[in-house]
Every structure is written in structure tokens, then in C-alpha cells.
Amino acid sequence: MKKVRYFLSVLLAVVGILHTQAQTQEKGLTPQNDTLSIAQLMTRTASEEVTPLTHTVKSSKHFLPTRRRIDREINKNSFIYKGEVMLGLTASYGTLSSEDSDFLLLLEHMDAGGTIASVKPFFGYAYRDNHVLGARFGYTYIHGTIDNLGFNLGAQNDLSGSLSNMGYKSDNFTFSLFHRSYVGLDPKGRFGLFAEFEGSVMVGTSRFDYMAGELPKGSNSNNFQAKLSFNPGMAVYVFPNVCATVSFGLGGIQYSKVTQKNEAGEQVGSRVASKMRFRLNLADINIGMTIHLWDKKKK
């Protein structure tokens, strides 16, 4: 084993000397007197001490490149400073009516409408510059009606019909934890972008009403949803301690369970679904305001 180590150390030293001499000749320099020649190195006896690690390190300096990490200066500009506490509110509101369904050529005499509104207060704490941990509470209201809806698949399919007097209403409550990473766009920290990851749990109820002949009927449902989502956005300080934000829902991983009950409260069915989807959701665009209770930029 000792002879093998000796042979390897001599081989590495020879490679280093050859490389050094080649560089010296290319630059037109004279080799130093204290540099060992190959013959002198080969005539060393096994009793002489040769440190393989020393020769390895010296030779590696000549031909092993040194990797340097590129600093992209993402955190050069601070948008939020460590120790800041922020309180905020995001809200969204959207409507859908029969006027928006002109492209649905199979539907006729459509008289329908719907509303989706949500309010989500939240608070967060900056545990370091440009990084915030927080919690969010939310309420979402969904309401839709179909007063008249006809469909016709054509004479060759011989399938047509109509729907009327149908309604849907849902009330859902959400609790979530989120993490935001900010990037300042200017040295004064007025404009910034953020990437938000959110884990949320939603519980709620919904009711569906319809007509069965001349009799009104309905069913109730209990809703449960667990979701991990990605919500990037932008922020700007409109006042020294007030910031306006806009975020966009880009989807994520979602698990849903719906338990349906009749009017007597008896369970008549259930549905479980899970999906992973990453795309822009136009119904999940939130505009909000945040208030920073302590602003370190003043000091």
C-alpha cells in the first residue's frame, strides 16, 4: 500500500512539473533553480518523505479551474425590512351573465347570471429582509341563477331541452398560512415584486335549488378543500406606510370533498376530487392594501 501511494504521488508531481515547464517555455521564462527535474524526482528513494497531498494541492492550482458563484444581486434592494409587521386586506369581485356567452352556440334563450366575491384579511411578520411569514383568513360568496336556458344539438341529433328556475348559493371560510419573498425594483424600495406560496384549508356550505315539475326542491352540501397554491404579484408604496398590491393565482395542488344531503339532512351522496394545475386563473386576481406598522426605512 505504501508503494502504491508513493507511485501516485510521484505521478502527480511529474504531471505538475511538466505543466509548469510548458507554461514557462511558452512565456519565454527560465525555470527556477529550485524546481525539481524529472530525473531528480525519479531517483528519490522510498525512504524519503513525499507528501502526496502537498503535491496534489500544488499541481491542482495549475490546471483545476476555480468556480465562483454569480451574484445576481436579487436582494440588493430591500422592499421590506426585518422586524416589520404588516396588516392587509385583499378582495376580489367578478360577475358572469348571459351576455358573456355569445360563443356558446348550442345554448339558446339564455338568461343566467352569477357573482363571485371574496374578502381576505391577513397579517404578516418580516423575519428577515424581503421575507415575510403570515396568516390569512377569508370569506368567499358565490351566487348563480338560471331563469331560462335552452339547448339544441341539431335536428340530426334529435336532442333539445330547456332549464329554468335554478339557483346556487355557497358560503365558504378559509384559513391559510403563506410565505412571501419580495424583490425591490428601485434603490428607494418603492416598487417591488413578490412570489407567494400559500397552504390553505376551506370549509363551507352550499345550496342548490331547482324545480321538479311544479314543486320546488333543493339539496345542501358540505364543502372541504385543501390547497397548496402559488400567487405571484406586484406591490407599490402609495404612502410611506401604505402599500398597494395585485396578485395573480397561478394554480397549484388541490384536494376537494363534497358531501351532499337532502332537505331532511340525510346524506345522499359524496364526491372526492384532486388535481394539479398551473395556469392563470382569471377568477383569482386579488387587489389589496397593506399597512406597515413599523417602517425601518425612516431610521
Protein backbone atom coordinates (compact mmCIF):
# COMPACT_ATOMS: atom_id res chain seq x y z
CA MET A 1 0.00 0.00 0.00
CA LYS A 2 2.87 2.32 0.81
CA LYS A 3 4.43 1.71 -2.60
CA VAL A 4 1.15 2.46 -4.36
CA ARG A 5 0.79 5.78 -2.52
CA TYR A 6 4.38 6.64 -3.35
CA PHE A 7 3.85 5.85 -7.04
CA LEU A 8 0.69 8.00 -7.23
CA SER A 9 2.36 10.97 -5.53
CA VAL A 10 5.33 10.78 -7.92
CA LEU A 11 2.99 10.59 -10.92
CA LEU A 12 1.03 13.68 -9.83
CA ALA A 13 4.22 15.61 -9.17
CA VAL A 14 5.55 14.73 -12.63
CA VAL A 15 2.37 15.99 -14.28
CA GLY A 16 2.62 19.24 -12.34
CA ILE A 17 6.26 19.76 -13.27
CA LEU A 18 5.60 19.09 -16.97
CA HIS A 19 2.72 21.55 -16.96
CA THR A 20 4.84 24.20 -15.19
CA GLN A 21 7.72 23.79 -17.59
CA ALA A 22 5.38 24.02 -20.59
CA GLN A 23 3.92 27.29 -19.31
CA THR A 24 7.41 28.64 -18.61
CA GLN A 25 8.63 27.87 -22.12
CA GLU A 26 5.55 29.45 -23.72
CA LYS A 27 6.13 32.68 -21.79
CA GLY A 28 9.84 32.69 -22.59
CA LEU A 29 10.89 32.44 -18.91
CA THR A 30 13.76 30.49 -17.37
CA PRO A 31 12.79 27.77 -14.93
CA GLN A 32 13.72 28.41 -11.34
CA ASN A 33 16.75 26.64 -9.92
CA ASP A 34 14.86 25.17 -7.01
CA THR A 35 12.39 23.32 -9.30
CA LEU A 36 12.92 19.59 -9.20
CA SER A 37 13.72 17.91 -12.51
CA ILE A 38 12.01 14.70 -13.51
CA ALA A 39 15.23 12.70 -13.20
CA GLN A 40 15.86 14.01 -9.67
CA LEU A 41 12.32 13.16 -8.68
CA MET A 42 12.51 9.62 -10.10
CA THR A 43 15.79 8.89 -8.28
CA ARG A 44 14.29 9.62 -4.88
CA THR A 45 14.28 6.61 -2.62
CA ALA A 46 11.21 5.24 -0.94
CA SER A 47 12.64 6.26 2.43
CA GLU A 48 12.39 9.94 1.56
CA GLU A 49 9.21 11.63 2.69
CA VAL A 50 6.89 12.60 -0.11
CA THR A 51 3.58 14.17 0.88
CA PRO A 52 1.00 13.25 -1.75
CA LEU A 53 -1.46 15.82 -0.50
CA THR A 54 1.07 18.64 -0.87
CA HIS A 55 1.92 17.80 -4.46
CA THR A 56 -1.73 17.30 -5.29
CA VAL A 57 -2.68 20.71 -4.00
CA LYS A 58 0.24 22.44 -5.72
CA SER A 59 -0.40 20.78 -9.05
CA SER A 60 -4.16 21.36 -8.89
CA LYS A 61 -3.57 25.10 -8.72
CA HIS A 62 -2.18 24.99 -12.23
CA PHE A 63 -4.91 23.18 -14.13
CA LEU A 64 -8.08 22.95 -11.95
CA PRO A 65 -10.42 25.94 -12.51
CA THR A 66 -11.98 27.72 -9.55
CA ARG A 67 -15.78 28.05 -9.60
CA ARG A 68 -17.24 31.32 -8.43
CA ARG A 69 -20.89 31.84 -7.63
CA ILE A 70 -22.55 34.54 -9.71
CA ASP A 71 -24.21 37.20 -7.58
CA ARG A 72 -27.36 38.31 -9.39
CA GLU A 73 -27.96 40.99 -6.74
CA ILE A 74 -31.60 39.97 -6.28
CA ASN A 75 -31.57 41.10 -2.64
CA LYS A 76 -29.59 44.28 -3.32
CA ASN A 77 -32.69 46.48 -2.92
CA SER A 78 -34.76 45.92 0.22
CA PHE A 79 -38.50 46.32 -0.06
CA ILE A 80 -39.43 45.12 3.45
CA TYR A 81 -37.05 45.14 6.39
CA LYS A 82 -36.61 42.67 9.20
CA GLY A 83 -38.99 43.31 12.09
CA GLU A 84 -41.79 44.93 10.10
CA VAL A 85 -45.37 43.89 10.91
CA MET A 86 -47.94 44.35 8.18
CA LEU A 87 -51.72 44.19 8.18
CA GLY A 88 -53.53 43.82 4.88
CA LEU A 89 -56.73 43.10 3.03
CA THR A 90 -57.28 41.59 -0.40
CA ALA A 91 -60.61 41.46 -2.18
CA SER A 92 -61.95 40.21 -5.47
CA TYR A 93 -65.28 40.55 -7.23
CA GLY A 94 -66.49 39.08 -10.50
CA THR A 95 -69.75 38.65 -12.36
CA LEU A 96 -70.91 36.43 -15.20
CA SER A 97 -74.05 37.00 -17.24
CA SER A 98 -75.68 35.59 -20.35
CA GLU A 99 -74.21 38.48 -22.36
CA ASP A 100 -70.76 36.91 -21.92
CA SER A 101 -71.81 33.59 -23.51
CA ASP A 102 -72.27 34.52 -27.16
CA PHE A 103 -69.67 31.96 -28.15
CA LEU A 104 -71.80 29.09 -26.77
CA LEU A 105 -73.69 28.41 -29.98
CA LEU A 106 -75.52 25.38 -28.57
CA LEU A 107 -77.35 27.47 -25.97
CA GLU A 108 -80.48 29.41 -26.79
CA HIS A 109 -82.59 31.99 -24.97
CA MET A 110 -80.15 32.07 -22.10
CA ASP A 111 -80.99 34.15 -19.07
CA ALA A 112 -78.39 33.43 -16.41
CA GLY A 113 -76.06 35.28 -14.10
CA GLY A 114 -73.58 34.74 -11.33
CA THR A 115 -71.46 36.56 -8.78
CA ILE A 116 -68.21 35.61 -7.02
CA ALA A 117 -66.89 37.83 -4.23
CA SER A 118 -64.18 37.25 -1.64
CA VAL A 119 -62.63 39.20 1.25
CA LYS A 120 -59.35 38.07 2.82
CA PRO A 121 -57.75 39.97 5.72
CA PHE A 122 -54.22 38.90 6.68
CA PHE A 123 -51.19 39.81 8.77
CA GLY A 124 -47.51 39.05 8.35
CA TYR A 125 -44.13 39.43 10.03
CA ALA A 126 -40.79 40.01 8.28
CA TYR A 127 -38.37 37.55 9.89
CA ARG A 128 -35.60 38.88 7.61
CA ASP A 129 -35.23 41.45 4.87
CA ASN A 130 -37.63 40.79 1.95
CA HIS A 131 -39.05 37.62 3.56
CA VAL A 132 -42.47 37.52 5.28
CA LEU A 133 -44.43 34.80 7.09
CA GLY A 134 -48.12 35.35 7.68
CA ALA A 135 -51.65 34.04 8.12
CA ARG A 136 -54.78 34.84 6.14
CA PHE A 137 -58.50 34.49 6.87
CA GLY A 138 -61.03 34.57 4.06
CA TYR A 139 -64.69 34.53 3.16
CA THR A 140 -65.99 33.69 -0.32
CA TYR A 141 -69.56 34.13 -1.55
CA ILE A 142 -70.86 32.53 -4.76
CA HIS A 143 -74.34 33.03 -6.16
CA GLY A 144 -75.74 32.00 -9.53
CA THR A 145 -79.17 31.69 -11.15
CA ILE A 146 -80.61 30.26 -14.36
CA ASP A 147 -84.03 31.65 -15.13
CA ASN A 148 -84.21 30.35 -18.67
CA LEU A 149 -81.83 28.18 -20.67
CA GLY A 150 -82.49 26.21 -23.84
CA PHE A 151 -80.14 23.93 -25.75
CA ASN A 152 -80.41 22.34 -29.16
CA LEU A 153 -77.91 19.88 -30.65
CA GLY A 154 -79.45 19.97 -34.10
CA ALA A 155 -82.16 18.10 -35.98
CA GLN A 156 -79.89 15.18 -36.83
CA ASN A 157 -79.18 14.50 -33.14
CA ASP A 158 -82.82 14.99 -32.12
CA LEU A 159 -81.83 16.32 -28.70
CA SER A 160 -83.08 19.55 -27.21
CA GLY A 161 -84.45 20.85 -23.93
CA SER A 162 -84.65 23.72 -21.50
CA LEU A 163 -83.87 24.58 -17.89
CA SER A 164 -85.39 27.21 -15.67
CA ASN A 165 -85.75 28.36 -12.07
CA MET A 166 -82.40 27.02 -10.90
CA GLY A 167 -80.22 28.65 -8.29
CA TYR A 168 -76.95 28.04 -6.48
CA LYS A 169 -75.50 29.74 -3.40
CA SER A 170 -72.31 28.99 -1.49
CA ASP A 171 -70.61 30.39 1.62
CA ASN A 172 -67.05 29.29 2.33
CA PHE A 173 -64.50 30.21 5.01
CA THR A 174 -60.75 29.85 4.55
CA PHE A 175 -57.69 29.79 6.79
CA SER A 176 -54.21 29.76 5.30
CA LEU A 177 -50.51 30.27 6.02
CA PHE A 178 -48.31 31.96 3.44
CA HIS A 179 -44.71 32.93 2.73
CA ARG A 180 -43.73 35.91 0.60
CA SER A 181 -40.37 36.69 -0.95
CA TYR A 182 -40.01 40.28 -2.17
CA VAL A 183 -37.64 41.76 -4.75
CA GLY A 184 -37.11 45.52 -4.74
CA LEU A 185 -37.03 47.16 -8.17
CA ASP A 186 -35.55 50.53 -7.16
CA PRO A 187 -32.98 51.66 -4.56
CA LYS A 188 -35.62 53.59 -2.58
CA GLY A 189 -37.77 50.49 -2.11
CA ARG A 190 -40.99 51.90 -3.57
CA PHE A 191 -41.69 49.28 -6.24
CA GLY A 192 -41.36 45.54 -5.84
CA LEU A 193 -42.39 42.08 -6.97
CA PHE A 194 -43.20 39.13 -4.76
CA ALA A 195 -43.66 35.38 -5.01
CA GLU A 196 -46.15 33.88 -2.55
CA PHE A 197 -46.65 30.24 -1.59
CA GLU A 198 -49.85 29.53 0.32
CA GLY A 199 -51.25 26.48 2.07
CA SER A 200 -54.97 26.80 2.80
CA VAL A 201 -57.93 24.88 4.20
CA MET A 202 -61.52 25.78 3.25
CA VAL A 203 -64.81 24.67 4.81
CA GLY A 204 -68.30 25.82 3.88
CA THR A 205 -71.81 25.01 2.76
CA SER A 206 -73.72 25.35 -0.47
CA ARG A 207 -77.34 25.03 -1.57
CA PHE A 208 -78.80 24.09 -4.94
CA ASP A 209 -82.46 24.86 -5.74
CA TYR A 210 -84.42 23.63 -8.75
CA MET A 211 -87.96 22.87 -9.91
CA ALA A 212 -89.27 19.29 -10.20
CA GLY A 213 -92.44 19.79 -12.19
CA GLU A 214 -94.46 22.29 -10.20
CA LEU A 215 -92.70 21.57 -6.90
CA PRO A 216 -89.55 23.40 -5.74
CA LYS A 217 -86.79 21.15 -4.45
CA GLY A 218 -83.24 21.59 -3.24
CA SER A 219 -80.18 19.97 -1.72
CA ASN A 220 -77.45 21.06 0.67
CA SER A 221 -73.74 20.28 0.55
CA ASN A 222 -70.82 20.46 2.95
CA ASN A 223 -67.59 21.52 1.27
CA PHE A 224 -63.98 20.81 2.23
CA GLN A 225 -60.87 21.79 0.31
CA ALA A 226 -57.11 21.68 0.98
CA LYS A 227 -54.86 23.55 -1.40
CA LEU A 228 -51.21 24.47 -1.97
CA SER A 229 -51.02 27.38 -4.40
CA PHE A 230 -48.58 29.84 -5.97
CA ASN A 231 -49.61 33.51 -6.16
CA PRO A 232 -47.08 35.98 -7.61
CA GLY A 233 -47.78 39.68 -7.69
CA MET A 234 -46.52 43.25 -7.55
CA ALA A 235 -46.52 45.93 -4.86
CA VAL A 236 -46.00 49.70 -4.69
CA TYR A 237 -45.88 52.13 -1.77
CA VAL A 238 -48.55 54.77 -2.32
CA PHE A 239 -47.76 56.31 1.11
CA PRO A 240 -44.75 55.78 3.39
CA ASN A 241 -46.56 53.06 5.38
CA VAL A 242 -49.30 52.02 2.95
CA CYS A 243 -48.67 49.61 0.10
CA ALA A 244 -50.99 48.59 -2.76
CA THR A 245 -50.71 45.03 -4.09
CA VAL A 246 -52.04 42.98 -7.01
CA SER A 247 -51.65 39.19 -7.04
CA PHE A 248 -52.48 36.54 -9.62
CA GLY A 249 -53.45 32.94 -8.91
CA LEU A 250 -51.37 30.53 -11.00
CA GLY A 251 -52.87 27.31 -9.65
CA GLY A 252 -51.33 24.56 -7.56
CA ILE A 253 -52.27 21.25 -5.93
CA GLN A 254 -55.85 20.84 -4.72
CA TYR A 255 -57.95 18.23 -2.88
CA SER A 256 -61.73 18.64 -2.59
CA LYS A 257 -64.55 16.70 -0.94
CA VAL A 258 -68.28 17.48 -1.21
CA THR A 259 -70.93 15.71 0.86
CA GLN A 260 -74.49 16.18 -0.39
CA LYS A 261 -77.60 16.00 1.81
CA ASN A 262 -81.29 16.26 1.12
CA GLU A 263 -83.70 18.66 2.78
CA ALA A 264 -84.19 16.23 5.67
CA GLY A 265 -80.44 16.31 6.43
CA GLU A 266 -79.76 12.75 5.22
CA GLN A 267 -76.62 12.10 3.22
CA VAL A 268 -77.44 11.16 -0.36
CA GLY A 269 -74.01 11.24 -1.99
CA SER A 270 -70.43 12.47 -1.90
CA ARG A 271 -67.69 13.41 -4.35
CA VAL A 272 -63.92 13.45 -3.94
CA ALA A 273 -61.58 15.09 -6.45
CA SER A 274 -57.91 16.06 -6.62
CA LYS A 275 -55.96 17.90 -9.28
CA MET A 276 -52.67 19.65 -10.02
CA ARG A 277 -52.94 22.58 -12.39
CA PHE A 278 -50.65 25.55 -13.01
CA ARG A 279 -52.18 28.27 -15.15
CA LEU A 280 -53.53 31.80 -14.82
CA ASN A 281 -56.94 31.85 -13.14
CA LEU A 282 -58.84 34.99 -14.14
CA ALA A 283 -61.25 34.43 -11.25
CA ASP A 284 -58.36 34.60 -8.77
CA ILE A 285 -57.00 38.11 -9.30
CA ASN A 286 -56.79 39.97 -5.98
CA ILE A 287 -56.30 43.70 -5.38
CA GLY A 288 -55.34 44.68 -1.84
CA MET A 289 -53.75 47.12 0.55
CA THR A 290 -51.19 46.52 3.30
CA ILE A 291 -50.32 48.77 6.24
CA HIS A 292 -46.84 48.51 7.75
CA LEU A 293 -46.90 49.24 11.47
CA TRP A 294 -43.16 49.76 11.78
CA ASP A 295 -41.08 51.24 8.99
CA LYS A 296 -37.33 50.83 9.41
CA LYS A 297 -36.64 52.89 6.28
CA LYS A 298 -37.27 56.06 8.32
CA LYS A 299 -34.26 55.36 10.52
